[in-house]
Amino acid sequence: MDLIIPAAWAQQAGAAGGSAWLQLLPLVLIFVVFYFLLIRPQTKRAKEHREMVGKLQTGDEVVTNGGLLGRITAVGDNFITLEVSNGVAIKVQKFQVAQLMPKGTIKGD
């Protein structure tokens, strides 16, 4: 066993115990970094998206997650009716709306 773990190293490892708090400090720091760089911005974006979806109304021009650009003609609890071309309307789930576009984005009316 001395070939794999020298006796001197094994003796030093037993003597250097350290505090439990000191050993947990890197894990706590990693969690704090993850919170501020990943978790917090994601929850902020999700909140903004929920608010935007809640304010959708007839006549708004939107882009869906699938890339469809259209004007809202009807708003329900879970679905909206989206007019993508003259006379072509589709139903889309509300949360699939990715972005609210400025009025006049769709030309040709």
PDB file of N, CA and C in Angstrom:
ATOM      1  N   MET A   1       0.820  -1.185   0.000  1.00  0.00           N
ATOM      2  CA  MET A   1       0.000   0.000   0.000  1.00  0.00           C
ATOM      3  C   MET A   1       0.865   1.250   0.000  1.00  0.00           C
ATOM      4  N   ASP A   2       2.107   1.134   0.432  1.00  0.00           N
ATOM      5  CA  ASP A   2       2.996   2.299   0.472  1.00  0.00           C
ATOM      6  C   ASP A   2       3.333   2.803  -0.926  1.00  0.00           C
ATOM      7  N   LEU A   3       3.197   1.958  -1.932  1.00  0.00           N
ATOM      8  CA  LEU A   3       3.484   2.402  -3.287  1.00  0.00           C
ATOM      9  C   LEU A   3       2.407   3.368  -3.798  1.00  0.00           C
ATOM     10  N   ILE A   4       1.162   3.143  -3.398  1.00  0.00           N
ATOM     11  CA  ILE A   4       0.067   3.985  -3.870  1.00  0.00           C
ATOM     12  C   ILE A   4      -0.079   5.237  -3.014  1.00  0.00           C
ATOM     13  N   ILE A   5      -0.120   5.068  -1.675  1.00  0.00           N
ATOM     14  CA  ILE A   5      -0.269   6.193  -0.763  1.00  0.00           C
ATOM     15  C   ILE A   5       0.915   6.180   0.194  1.00  0.00           C
ATOM     16  N   PRO A   6       1.835   7.092   0.025  1.00  0.00           N
ATOM     17  CA  PRO A   6       2.981   7.115   0.954  1.00  0.00           C
ATOM     18  C   PRO A   6       2.526   7.356   2.390  1.00  0.00           C
ATOM     19  N   ALA A   7       3.237   6.793   3.315  1.00  0.00           N
ATOM     20  CA  ALA A   7       2.880   6.881   4.728  1.00  0.00           C
ATOM     21  C   ALA A   7       2.872   8.324   5.207  1.00  0.00           C
ATOM     22  N   ALA A   8       3.794   9.157   4.734  1.00  0.00           N
ATOM     23  CA  ALA A   8       3.869  10.547   5.166  1.00  0.00           C
ATOM     24  C   ALA A   8       2.600  11.311   4.758  1.00  0.00           C
ATOM     25  N   TRP A   9       2.099  11.067   3.566  1.00  0.00           N
ATOM     26  CA  TRP A   9       0.889  11.737   3.116  1.00  0.00           C
ATOM     27  C   TRP A   9      -0.328  11.293   3.918  1.00  0.00           C
ATOM     28  N   ALA A  10      -0.379  10.012   4.217  1.00  0.00           N
ATOM     29  CA  ALA A  10      -1.515   9.506   4.980  1.00  0.00           C
ATOM     30  C   ALA A  10      -1.543  10.108   6.374  1.00  0.00           C
ATOM     31  N   GLN A  11      -0.395  10.306   7.000  1.00  0.00           N
ATOM     32  CA  GLN A  11      -0.341  10.901   8.332  1.00  0.00           C
ATOM     33  C   GLN A  11      -0.749  12.366   8.292  1.00  0.00           C
ATOM     34  N   GLN A  12      -0.345  13.085   7.274  1.00  0.00           N
ATOM     35  CA  GLN A  12      -0.703  14.498   7.184  1.00  0.00           C
ATOM     36  C   GLN A  12      -2.198  14.689   6.916  1.00  0.00           C
ATOM     37  N   ALA A  13      -2.786  13.822   6.124  1.00  0.00           N
ATOM     38  CA  ALA A  13      -4.204  13.959   5.813  1.00  0.00           C
ATOM     39  C   ALA A  13      -5.056  13.755   7.055  1.00  0.00           C
ATOM     40  N   GLY A  14      -4.663  12.870   7.926  1.00  0.00           N
ATOM     41  CA  GLY A  14      -5.404  12.649   9.148  1.00  0.00           C
ATOM     42  C   GLY A  14      -5.271  13.818  10.106  1.00  0.00           C
ATOM     43  N   ALA A  15      -4.153  14.478  10.122  1.00  0.00           N
ATOM     44  CA  ALA A  15      -3.905  15.576  11.048  1.00  0.00           C
ATOM     45  C   ALA A  15      -4.593  16.868  10.598  1.00  0.00           C
ATOM     46  N   ALA A  16      -4.770  17.055   9.283  1.00  0.00           N
ATOM     47  CA  ALA A  16      -5.361  18.293   8.766  1.00  0.00           C
ATOM     48  C   ALA A  16      -6.858  18.111   8.570  1.00  0.00           C
ATOM     49  N   GLY A  17      -7.631  18.209   9.633  1.00  0.00           N
ATOM     50  CA  GLY A  17      -9.078  18.012   9.546  1.00  0.00           C
ATOM     51  C   GLY A  17      -9.784  19.239   9.007  1.00  0.00           C
ATOM     52  N   GLY A  18      -9.612  20.383   9.601  1.00  0.00           N
ATOM     53  CA  GLY A  18     -10.255  21.615   9.158  1.00  0.00           C
ATOM     54  C   GLY A  18     -11.676  21.701   9.682  1.00  0.00           C
ATOM     55  N   SER A  19     -12.227  22.871   9.625  1.00  0.00           N
ATOM     56  CA  SER A  19     -13.584  23.121  10.103  1.00  0.00           C
ATOM     57  C   SER A  19     -14.619  22.673   9.068  1.00  0.00           C
ATOM     58  N   ALA A  20     -15.761  22.237   9.540  1.00  0.00           N
ATOM     59  CA  ALA A  20     -16.834  21.830   8.626  1.00  0.00           C
ATOM     60  C   ALA A  20     -17.358  23.035   7.845  1.00  0.00           C
ATOM     61  N   TRP A  21     -17.414  24.197   8.480  1.00  0.00           N
ATOM     62  CA  TRP A  21     -17.868  25.412   7.792  1.00  0.00           C
ATOM     63  C   TRP A  21     -16.914  25.801   6.677  1.00  0.00           C
ATOM     64  N   LEU A  22     -15.642  25.606   6.922  1.00  0.00           N
ATOM     65  CA  LEU A  22     -14.640  25.955   5.911  1.00  0.00           C
ATOM     66  C   LEU A  22     -14.750  25.026   4.707  1.00  0.00           C
ATOM     67  N   GLN A  23     -15.140  23.783   4.944  1.00  0.00           N
ATOM     68  CA  GLN A  23     -15.304  22.841   3.842  1.00  0.00           C
ATOM     69  C   GLN A  23     -16.575  23.124   3.053  1.00  0.00           C
ATOM     70  N   LEU A  24     -17.612  23.682   3.688  1.00  0.00           N
ATOM     71  CA  LEU A  24     -18.854  24.000   3.002  1.00  0.00           C
ATOM     72  C   LEU A  24     -18.818  25.343   2.278  1.00  0.00           C
ATOM     73  N   LEU A  25     -17.850  26.164   2.603  1.00  0.00           N
ATOM     74  CA  LEU A  25     -17.761  27.508   2.018  1.00  0.00           C
ATOM     75  C   LEU A  25     -17.710  27.493   0.489  1.00  0.00           C
ATOM     76  N   PRO A  26     -16.908  26.645  -0.166  1.00  0.00           N
ATOM     77  CA  PRO A  26     -16.923  26.647  -1.640  1.00  0.00           C
ATOM     78  C   PRO A  26     -18.282  26.278  -2.230  1.00  0.00           C
ATOM     79  N   LEU A  27     -19.002  25.342  -1.599  1.00  0.00           N
ATOM     80  CA  LEU A  27     -20.323  24.978  -2.100  1.00  0.00           C
ATOM     81  C   LEU A  27     -21.304  26.132  -1.965  1.00  0.00           C
ATOM     82  N   VAL A  28     -21.232  26.848  -0.859  1.00  0.00           N
ATOM     83  CA  VAL A  28     -22.100  28.003  -0.654  1.00  0.00           C
ATOM     84  C   VAL A  28     -21.773  29.094  -1.671  1.00  0.00           C
ATOM     85  N   LEU A  29     -20.514  29.335  -1.919  1.00  0.00           N
ATOM     86  CA  LEU A  29     -20.116  30.344  -2.902  1.00  0.00           C
ATOM     87  C   LEU A  29     -20.581  29.973  -4.307  1.00  0.00           C
ATOM     88  N   ILE A  30     -20.486  28.697  -4.662  1.00  0.00           N
ATOM     89  CA  ILE A  30     -20.950  28.249  -5.975  1.00  0.00           C
ATOM     90  C   ILE A  30     -22.455  28.466  -6.097  1.00  0.00           C
ATOM     91  N   PHE A  31     -23.213  28.142  -5.046  1.00  0.00           N
ATOM     92  CA  PHE A  31     -24.660  28.347  -5.083  1.00  0.00           C
ATOM     93  C   PHE A  31     -24.995  29.828  -5.239  1.00  0.00           C
ATOM     94  N   VAL A  32     -24.294  30.701  -4.527  1.00  0.00           N
ATOM     95  CA  VAL A  32     -24.546  32.146  -4.632  1.00  0.00           C
ATOM     96  C   VAL A  32     -24.274  32.633  -6.047  1.00  0.00           C
ATOM     97  N   VAL A  33     -23.182  32.174  -6.653  1.00  0.00           N
ATOM     98  CA  VAL A  33     -22.854  32.571  -8.019  1.00  0.00           C
ATOM     99  C   VAL A  33     -23.936  32.075  -8.982  1.00  0.00           C
ATOM    100  N   PHE A  34     -24.362  30.826  -8.842  1.00  0.00           N
ATOM    101  CA  PHE A  34     -25.424  30.294  -9.691  1.00  0.00           C
ATOM    102  C   PHE A  34     -26.718  31.084  -9.516  1.00  0.00           C
ATOM    103  N   TYR A  35     -27.027  31.464  -8.300  1.00  0.00           N
ATOM    104  CA  TYR A  35     -28.251  32.216  -8.056  1.00  0.00           C
ATOM    105  C   TYR A  35     -28.229  33.544  -8.802  1.00  0.00           C
ATOM    106  N   PHE A  36     -27.150  34.295  -8.673  1.00  0.00           N
ATOM    107  CA  PHE A  36     -27.106  35.627  -9.284  1.00  0.00           C
ATOM    108  C   PHE A  36     -26.868  35.596 -10.785  1.00  0.00           C
ATOM    109  N   LEU A  37     -26.218  34.559 -11.302  1.00  0.00           N
ATOM    110  CA  LEU A  37     -25.940  34.509 -12.738  1.00  0.00           C
ATOM    111  C   LEU A  37     -26.969  33.720 -13.538  1.00  0.00           C
ATOM    112  N   LEU A  38     -27.650  32.755 -12.911  1.00  0.00           N
ATOM    113  CA  LEU A  38     -28.575  31.913 -13.666  1.00  0.00           C
ATOM    114  C   LEU A  38     -30.007  31.964 -13.153  1.00  0.00           C
ATOM    115  N   ILE A  39     -30.218  31.712 -11.894  1.00  0.00           N
ATOM    116  CA  ILE A  39     -31.567  31.547 -11.365  1.00  0.00           C
ATOM    117  C   ILE A  39     -32.325  32.868 -11.337  1.00  0.00           C
ATOM    118  N   ARG A  40     -31.732  33.905 -10.792  1.00  0.00           N
ATOM    119  CA  ARG A  40     -32.420  35.196 -10.658  1.00  0.00           C
ATOM    120  C   ARG A  40     -32.806  35.810 -12.003  1.00  0.00           C
ATOM    121  N   PRO A  41     -31.889  35.873 -12.994  1.00  0.00           N
ATOM    122  CA  PRO A  41     -32.301  36.428 -14.293  1.00  0.00           C
ATOM    123  C   PRO A  41     -33.389  35.598 -14.973  1.00  0.00           C
ATOM    124  N   GLN A  42     -33.344  34.270 -14.810  1.00  0.00           N
ATOM    125  CA  GLN A  42     -34.354  33.418 -15.429  1.00  0.00           C
ATOM    126  C   GLN A  42     -35.725  33.662 -14.829  1.00  0.00           C
ATOM    127  N   THR A  43     -35.812  33.792 -13.515  1.00  0.00           N
ATOM    128  CA  THR A  43     -37.110  34.054 -12.885  1.00  0.00           C
ATOM    129  C   THR A  43     -37.622  35.447 -13.249  1.00  0.00           C
ATOM    130  N   LYS A  44     -36.718  36.399 -13.404  1.00  0.00           N
ATOM    131  CA  LYS A  44     -37.120  37.747 -13.812  1.00  0.00           C
ATOM    132  C   LYS A  44     -37.703  37.724 -15.227  1.00  0.00           C
ATOM    133  N   ARG A  45     -37.040  36.992 -16.144  1.00  0.00           N
ATOM    134  CA  ARG A  45     -37.541  36.875 -17.507  1.00  0.00           C
ATOM    135  C   ARG A  45     -38.897  36.164 -17.538  1.00  0.00           C
ATOM    136  N   ALA A  46     -39.050  35.127 -16.728  1.00  0.00           N
ATOM    137  CA  ALA A  46     -40.325  34.394 -16.685  1.00  0.00           C
ATOM    138  C   ALA A  46     -41.447  35.292 -16.167  1.00  0.00           C
ATOM    139  N   LYS A  47     -41.153  36.119 -15.179  1.00  0.00           N
ATOM    140  CA  LYS A  47     -42.156  37.035 -14.642  1.00  0.00           C
ATOM    141  C   LYS A  47     -42.569  38.062 -15.698  1.00  0.00           C
ATOM    142  N   GLU A  48     -41.598  38.618 -16.419  1.00  0.00           N
ATOM    143  CA  GLU A  48     -41.900  39.582 -17.476  1.00  0.00           C
ATOM    144  C   GLU A  48     -42.752  38.939 -18.566  1.00  0.00           C
ATOM    145  N   HIS A  49     -42.456  37.683 -18.922  1.00  0.00           N
ATOM    146  CA  HIS A  49     -43.217  36.980 -19.955  1.00  0.00           C
ATOM    147  C   HIS A  49     -44.654  36.745 -19.493  1.00  0.00           C
ATOM    148  N   ARG A  50     -44.843  36.325 -18.236  1.00  0.00           N
ATOM    149  CA  ARG A  50     -46.190  36.116 -17.698  1.00  0.00           C
ATOM    150  C   ARG A  50     -46.998  37.416 -17.740  1.00  0.00           C
ATOM    151  N   GLU A  51     -46.367  38.536 -17.378  1.00  0.00           N
ATOM    152  CA  GLU A  51     -47.056  39.828 -17.409  1.00  0.00           C
ATOM    153  C   GLU A  51     -47.426  40.221 -18.833  1.00  0.00           C
ATOM    154  N   MET A  52     -46.508  39.989 -19.787  1.00  0.00           N
ATOM    155  CA  MET A  52     -46.766  40.329 -21.182  1.00  0.00           C
ATOM    156  C   MET A  52     -47.921  39.491 -21.729  1.00  0.00           C
ATOM    157  N   VAL A  53     -47.940  38.200 -21.421  1.00  0.00           N
ATOM    158  CA  VAL A  53     -49.009  37.317 -21.890  1.00  0.00           C
ATOM    159  C   VAL A  53     -50.343  37.713 -21.251  1.00  0.00           C
ATOM    160  N   GLY A  54     -50.311  38.133 -20.009  1.00  0.00           N
ATOM    161  CA  GLY A  54     -51.536  38.551 -19.340  1.00  0.00           C
ATOM    162  C   GLY A  54     -52.144  39.816 -19.913  1.00  0.00           C
ATOM    163  N   LYS A  55     -51.338  40.653 -20.542  1.00  0.00           N
ATOM    164  CA  LYS A  55     -51.817  41.925 -21.091  1.00  0.00           C
ATOM    165  C   LYS A  55     -52.171  41.850 -22.576  1.00  0.00           C
ATOM    166  N   LEU A  56     -52.111  40.673 -23.189  1.00  0.00           N
ATOM    167  CA  LEU A  56     -52.432  40.558 -24.609  1.00  0.00           C
ATOM    168  C   LEU A  56     -53.884  40.932 -24.850  1.00  0.00           C
ATOM    169  N   GLN A  57     -54.123  41.650 -25.930  1.00  0.00           N
ATOM    170  CA  GLN A  57     -55.485  42.052 -26.269  1.00  0.00           C
ATOM    171  C   GLN A  57     -55.664  42.037 -27.783  1.00  0.00           C
ATOM    172  N   THR A  58     -56.897  42.104 -28.204  1.00  0.00           N
ATOM    173  CA  THR A  58     -57.222  42.081 -29.625  1.00  0.00           C
ATOM    174  C   THR A  58     -56.566  43.263 -30.331  1.00  0.00           C
ATOM    175  N   GLY A  59     -55.970  42.985 -31.481  1.00  0.00           N
ATOM    176  CA  GLY A  59     -55.313  44.026 -32.266  1.00  0.00           C
ATOM    177  C   GLY A  59     -53.813  44.085 -32.069  1.00  0.00           C
ATOM    178  N   ASP A  60     -53.288  43.428 -31.041  1.00  0.00           N
ATOM    179  CA  ASP A  60     -51.838  43.405 -30.830  1.00  0.00           C
ATOM    180  C   ASP A  60     -51.168  42.566 -31.907  1.00  0.00           C
ATOM    181  N   GLU A  61     -49.995  42.986 -32.312  1.00  0.00           N
ATOM    182  CA  GLU A  61     -49.206  42.228 -33.279  1.00  0.00           C
ATOM    183  C   GLU A  61     -48.105  41.515 -32.510  1.00  0.00           C
ATOM    184  N   VAL A  62     -48.002  40.194 -32.730  1.00  0.00           N
ATOM    185  CA  VAL A  62     -47.098  39.377 -31.936  1.00  0.00           C
ATOM    186  C   VAL A  62     -46.299  38.422 -32.820  1.00  0.00           C
ATOM    187  N   VAL A  63     -45.228  37.908 -32.251  1.00  0.00           N
ATOM    188  CA  VAL A  63     -44.433  36.845 -32.859  1.00  0.00           C
ATOM    189  C   VAL A  63     -44.481  35.667 -31.898  1.00  0.00           C
ATOM    190  N   THR A  64     -44.738  34.469 -32.432  1.00  0.00           N
ATOM    191  CA  THR A  64     -44.783  33.272 -31.597  1.00  0.00           C
ATOM    192  C   THR A  64     -43.396  32.652 -31.493  1.00  0.00           C
ATOM    193  N   ASN A  65     -43.265  31.669 -30.613  1.00  0.00           N
ATOM    194  CA  ASN A  65     -41.992  30.951 -30.480  1.00  0.00           C
ATOM    195  C   ASN A  65     -41.633  30.214 -31.764  1.00  0.00           C
ATOM    196  N   GLY A  66     -42.628  29.867 -32.563  1.00  0.00           N
ATOM    197  CA  GLY A  66     -42.388  29.193 -33.836  1.00  0.00           C
ATOM    198  C   GLY A  66     -42.021  30.149 -34.960  1.00  0.00           C
ATOM    199  N   GLY A  67     -42.071  31.450 -34.706  1.00  0.00           N
ATOM    200  CA  GLY A  67     -41.676  32.434 -35.705  1.00  0.00           C
ATOM    201  C   GLY A  67     -42.831  33.012 -36.505  1.00  0.00           C
ATOM    202  N   LEU A  68     -44.061  32.691 -36.136  1.00  0.00           N
ATOM    203  CA  LEU A  68     -45.214  33.238 -36.854  1.00  0.00           C
ATOM    204  C   LEU A  68     -45.484  34.666 -36.412  1.00  0.00           C
ATOM    205  N   LEU A  69     -45.675  35.537 -37.390  1.00  0.00           N
ATOM    206  CA  LEU A  69     -46.011  36.935 -37.134  1.00  0.00           C
ATOM    207  C   LEU A  69     -47.480  37.119 -37.479  1.00  0.00           C
ATOM    208  N   GLY A  70     -48.240  37.680 -36.559  1.00  0.00           N
ATOM    209  CA  GLY A  70     -49.655  37.866 -36.842  1.00  0.00           C
ATOM    210  C   GLY A  70     -50.304  38.854 -35.900  1.00  0.00           C
ATOM    211  N   ARG A  71     -51.587  39.124 -36.184  1.00  0.00           N
ATOM    212  CA  ARG A  71     -52.378  40.055 -35.375  1.00  0.00           C
ATOM    213  C   ARG A  71     -53.408  39.250 -34.595  1.00  0.00           C
ATOM    214  N   ILE A  72     -53.580  39.562 -33.330  1.00  0.00           N
ATOM    215  CA  ILE A  72     -54.529  38.860 -32.483  1.00  0.00           C
ATOM    216  C   ILE A  72     -55.940  39.319 -32.822  1.00  0.00           C
ATOM    217  N   THR A  73     -56.824  38.338 -33.106  1.00  0.00           N
ATOM    218  CA  THR A  73     -58.214  38.672 -33.400  1.00  0.00           C
ATOM    219  C   THR A  73     -59.150  38.270 -32.275  1.00  0.00           C
ATOM    220  N   ALA A  74     -58.737  37.333 -31.431  1.00  0.00           N
ATOM    221  CA  ALA A  74     -59.558  36.917 -30.288  1.00  0.00           C
ATOM    222  C   ALA A  74     -58.640  36.409 -29.188  1.00  0.00           C
ATOM    223  N   VAL A  75     -58.997  36.721 -27.934  1.00  0.00           N
ATOM    224  CA  VAL A  75     -58.205  36.297 -26.785  1.00  0.00           C
ATOM    225  C   VAL A  75     -59.087  35.476 -25.858  1.00  0.00           C
ATOM    226  N   GLY A  76     -58.631  34.268 -25.530  1.00  0.00           N
ATOM    227  CA  GLY A  76     -59.337  33.407 -24.588  1.00  0.00           C
ATOM    228  C   GLY A  76     -58.493  33.226 -23.332  1.00  0.00           C
ATOM    229  N   ASP A  77     -58.895  32.269 -22.497  1.00  0.00           N
ATOM    230  CA  ASP A  77     -58.137  32.013 -21.268  1.00  0.00           C
ATOM    231  C   ASP A  77     -56.777  31.392 -21.558  1.00  0.00           C
ATOM    232  N   ASN A  78     -56.748  30.386 -22.438  1.00  0.00           N
ATOM    233  CA  ASN A  78     -55.504  29.680 -22.733  1.00  0.00           C
ATOM    234  C   ASN A  78     -55.029  29.847 -24.163  1.00  0.00           C
ATOM    235  N   PHE A  79     -55.935  30.245 -25.058  1.00  0.00           N
ATOM    236  CA  PHE A  79     -55.591  30.345 -26.473  1.00  0.00           C
ATOM    237  C   PHE A  79     -55.906  31.731 -27.013  1.00  0.00           C
ATOM    238  N   ILE A  80     -55.181  32.090 -28.076  1.00  0.00           N
ATOM    239  CA  ILE A  80     -55.492  33.307 -28.825  1.00  0.00           C
ATOM    240  C   ILE A  80     -55.703  32.892 -30.276  1.00  0.00           C
ATOM    241  N   THR A  81     -56.493  33.679 -30.994  1.00  0.00           N
ATOM    242  CA  THR A  81     -56.644  33.464 -32.428  1.00  0.00           C
ATOM    243  C   THR A  81     -55.765  34.496 -33.109  1.00  0.00           C
ATOM    244  N   LEU A  82     -54.891  33.996 -33.962  1.00  0.00           N
ATOM    245  CA  LEU A  82     -53.875  34.834 -34.600  1.00  0.00           C
ATOM    246  C   LEU A  82     -54.135  34.860 -36.098  1.00  0.00           C
ATOM    247  N   GLU A  83     -54.324  36.050 -36.651  1.00  0.00           N
ATOM    248  CA  GLU A  83     -54.501  36.189 -38.094  1.00  0.00           C
ATOM    249  C   GLU A  83     -53.120  36.393 -38.711  1.00  0.00           C
ATOM    250  N   VAL A  84     -52.667  35.398 -39.470  1.00  0.00           N
ATOM    251  CA  VAL A  84     -51.325  35.462 -40.046  1.00  0.00           C
ATOM    252  C   VAL A  84     -51.332  36.036 -41.458  1.00  0.00           C
ATOM    253  N   SER A  85     -52.488  36.012 -42.107  1.00  0.00           N
ATOM    254  CA  SER A  85     -52.647  36.591 -43.434  1.00  0.00           C
ATOM    255  C   SER A  85     -54.124  36.943 -43.578  1.00  0.00           C
ATOM    256  N   ASN A  86     -54.477  37.656 -44.630  1.00  0.00           N
ATOM    257  CA  ASN A  86     -55.883  38.013 -44.832  1.00  0.00           C
ATOM    258  C   ASN A  86     -56.718  36.747 -44.969  1.00  0.00           C
ATOM    259  N   GLY A  87     -57.641  36.536 -44.039  1.00  0.00           N
ATOM    260  CA  GLY A  87     -58.524  35.380 -44.082  1.00  0.00           C
ATOM    261  C   GLY A  87     -57.928  34.099 -43.526  1.00  0.00           C
ATOM    262  N   VAL A  88     -56.699  34.126 -43.042  1.00  0.00           N
ATOM    263  CA  VAL A  88     -56.068  32.927 -42.479  1.00  0.00           C
ATOM    264  C   VAL A  88     -55.839  33.162 -40.992  1.00  0.00           C
ATOM    265  N   ALA A  89     -56.591  32.423 -40.166  1.00  0.00           N
ATOM    266  CA  ALA A  89     -56.479  32.573 -38.721  1.00  0.00           C
ATOM    267  C   ALA A  89     -56.140  31.218 -38.098  1.00  0.00           C
ATOM    268  N   ILE A  90     -55.282  31.231 -37.106  1.00  0.00           N
ATOM    269  CA  ILE A  90     -54.893  30.008 -36.405  1.00  0.00           C
ATOM    270  C   ILE A  90     -55.042  30.234 -34.911  1.00  0.00           C
ATOM    271  N   LYS A  91     -55.226  29.138 -34.184  1.00  0.00           N
ATOM    272  CA  LYS A  91     -55.281  29.215 -32.724  1.00  0.00           C
ATOM    273  C   LYS A  91     -53.919  28.836 -32.189  1.00  0.00           C
ATOM    274  N   VAL A  92     -53.447  29.621 -31.234  1.00  0.00           N
ATOM    275  CA  VAL A  92     -52.131  29.414 -30.640  1.00  0.00           C
ATOM    276  C   VAL A  92     -52.274  29.515 -29.126  1.00  0.00           C
ATOM    277  N   GLN A  93     -51.515  28.705 -28.402  1.00  0.00           N
ATOM    278  CA  GLN A  93     -51.510  28.834 -26.952  1.00  0.00           C
ATOM    279  C   GLN A  93     -50.912  30.175 -26.570  1.00  0.00           C
ATOM    280  N   LYS A  94     -51.479  30.787 -25.534  1.00  0.00           N
ATOM    281  CA  LYS A  94     -51.035  32.125 -25.128  1.00  0.00           C
ATOM    282  C   LYS A  94     -49.556  32.174 -24.767  1.00  0.00           C
ATOM    283  N   PHE A  95     -49.087  31.167 -24.029  1.00  0.00           N
ATOM    284  CA  PHE A  95     -47.699  31.230 -23.568  1.00  0.00           C
ATOM    285  C   PHE A  95     -46.691  31.014 -24.690  1.00  0.00           C
ATOM    286  N   GLN A  96     -47.159  30.666 -25.898  1.00  0.00           N
ATOM    287  CA  GLN A  96     -46.255  30.523 -27.036  1.00  0.00           C
ATOM    288  C   GLN A  96     -45.932  31.865 -27.692  1.00  0.00           C
ATOM    289  N   VAL A  97     -46.558  32.932 -27.242  1.00  0.00           N
ATOM    290  CA  VAL A  97     -46.233  34.259 -27.764  1.00  0.00           C
ATOM    291  C   VAL A  97     -44.878  34.665 -27.203  1.00  0.00           C
ATOM    292  N   ALA A  98     -43.936  34.928 -28.092  1.00  0.00           N
ATOM    293  CA  ALA A  98     -42.577  35.244 -27.680  1.00  0.00           C
ATOM    294  C   ALA A  98     -42.359  36.744 -27.507  1.00  0.00           C
ATOM    295  N   GLN A  99     -42.980  37.530 -28.375  1.00  0.00           N
ATOM    296  CA  GLN A  99     -42.679  38.957 -28.352  1.00  0.00           C
ATOM    297  C   GLN A  99     -43.878  39.753 -28.864  1.00  0.00           C
ATOM    298  N   LEU A 100     -44.098  40.876 -28.249  1.00  0.00           N
ATOM    299  CA  LEU A 100     -45.123  41.816 -28.683  1.00  0.00           C
ATOM    300  C   LEU A 100     -44.439  42.813 -29.611  1.00  0.00           C
ATOM    301  N   MET A 101     -44.960  42.942 -30.819  1.00  0.00           N
ATOM    302  CA  MET A 101     -44.344  43.818 -31.817  1.00  0.00           C
ATOM    303  C   MET A 101     -45.019  45.185 -31.800  1.00  0.00           C
ATOM    304  N   PRO A 102     -44.320  46.223 -32.262  1.00  0.00           N
ATOM    305  CA  PRO A 102     -44.941  47.552 -32.338  1.00  0.00           C
ATOM    306  C   PRO A 102     -46.080  47.560 -33.377  1.00  0.00           C
ATOM    307  N   LYS A 103     -47.065  48.403 -33.134  1.00  0.00           N
ATOM    308  CA  LYS A 103     -48.193  48.528 -34.066  1.00  0.00           C
ATOM    309  C   LYS A 103     -47.665  48.946 -35.443  1.00  0.00           C
ATOM    310  N   GLY A 104     -48.229  48.366 -36.487  1.00  0.00           N
ATOM    311  CA  GLY A 104     -47.806  48.687 -37.844  1.00  0.00           C
ATOM    312  C   GLY A 104     -46.705  47.815 -38.376  1.00  0.00           C
ATOM    313  N   THR A 105     -46.297  46.815 -37.620  1.00  0.00           N
ATOM    314  CA  THR A 105     -45.249  45.896 -38.097  1.00  0.00           C
ATOM    315  C   THR A 105     -45.742  45.100 -39.292  1.00  0.00           C
ATOM    316  N   ILE A 106     -47.011  44.687 -39.236  1.00  0.00           N
ATOM    317  CA  ILE A 106     -47.607  43.949 -40.354  1.00  0.00           C
ATOM    318  C   ILE A 106     -48.156  44.965 -41.347  1.00  0.00           C
ATOM    319  N   LYS A 107     -47.621  44.964 -42.538  1.00  0.00           N
ATOM    320  CA  LYS A 107     -48.052  45.904 -43.584  1.00  0.00           C
ATOM    321  C   LYS A 107     -49.026  45.210 -44.521  1.00  0.00           C
ATOM    322  N   GLY A 108     -49.736  45.964 -45.311  1.00  0.00           N
ATOM    323  CA  GLY A 108     -50.573  45.404 -46.353  1.00  0.00           C
ATOM    324  C   GLY A 108     -52.027  45.288 -46.000  1.00  0.00           C
ATOM    325  N   ASP A 109     -52.517  46.084 -45.067  1.00  0.00           N
ATOM    326  CA  ASP A 109     -53.948  46.045 -44.730  1.00  0.00           C
ATOM    327  C   ASP A 109     -54.716  47.085 -45.491  1.00  0.00           C
TER     328      ASP A 109
END
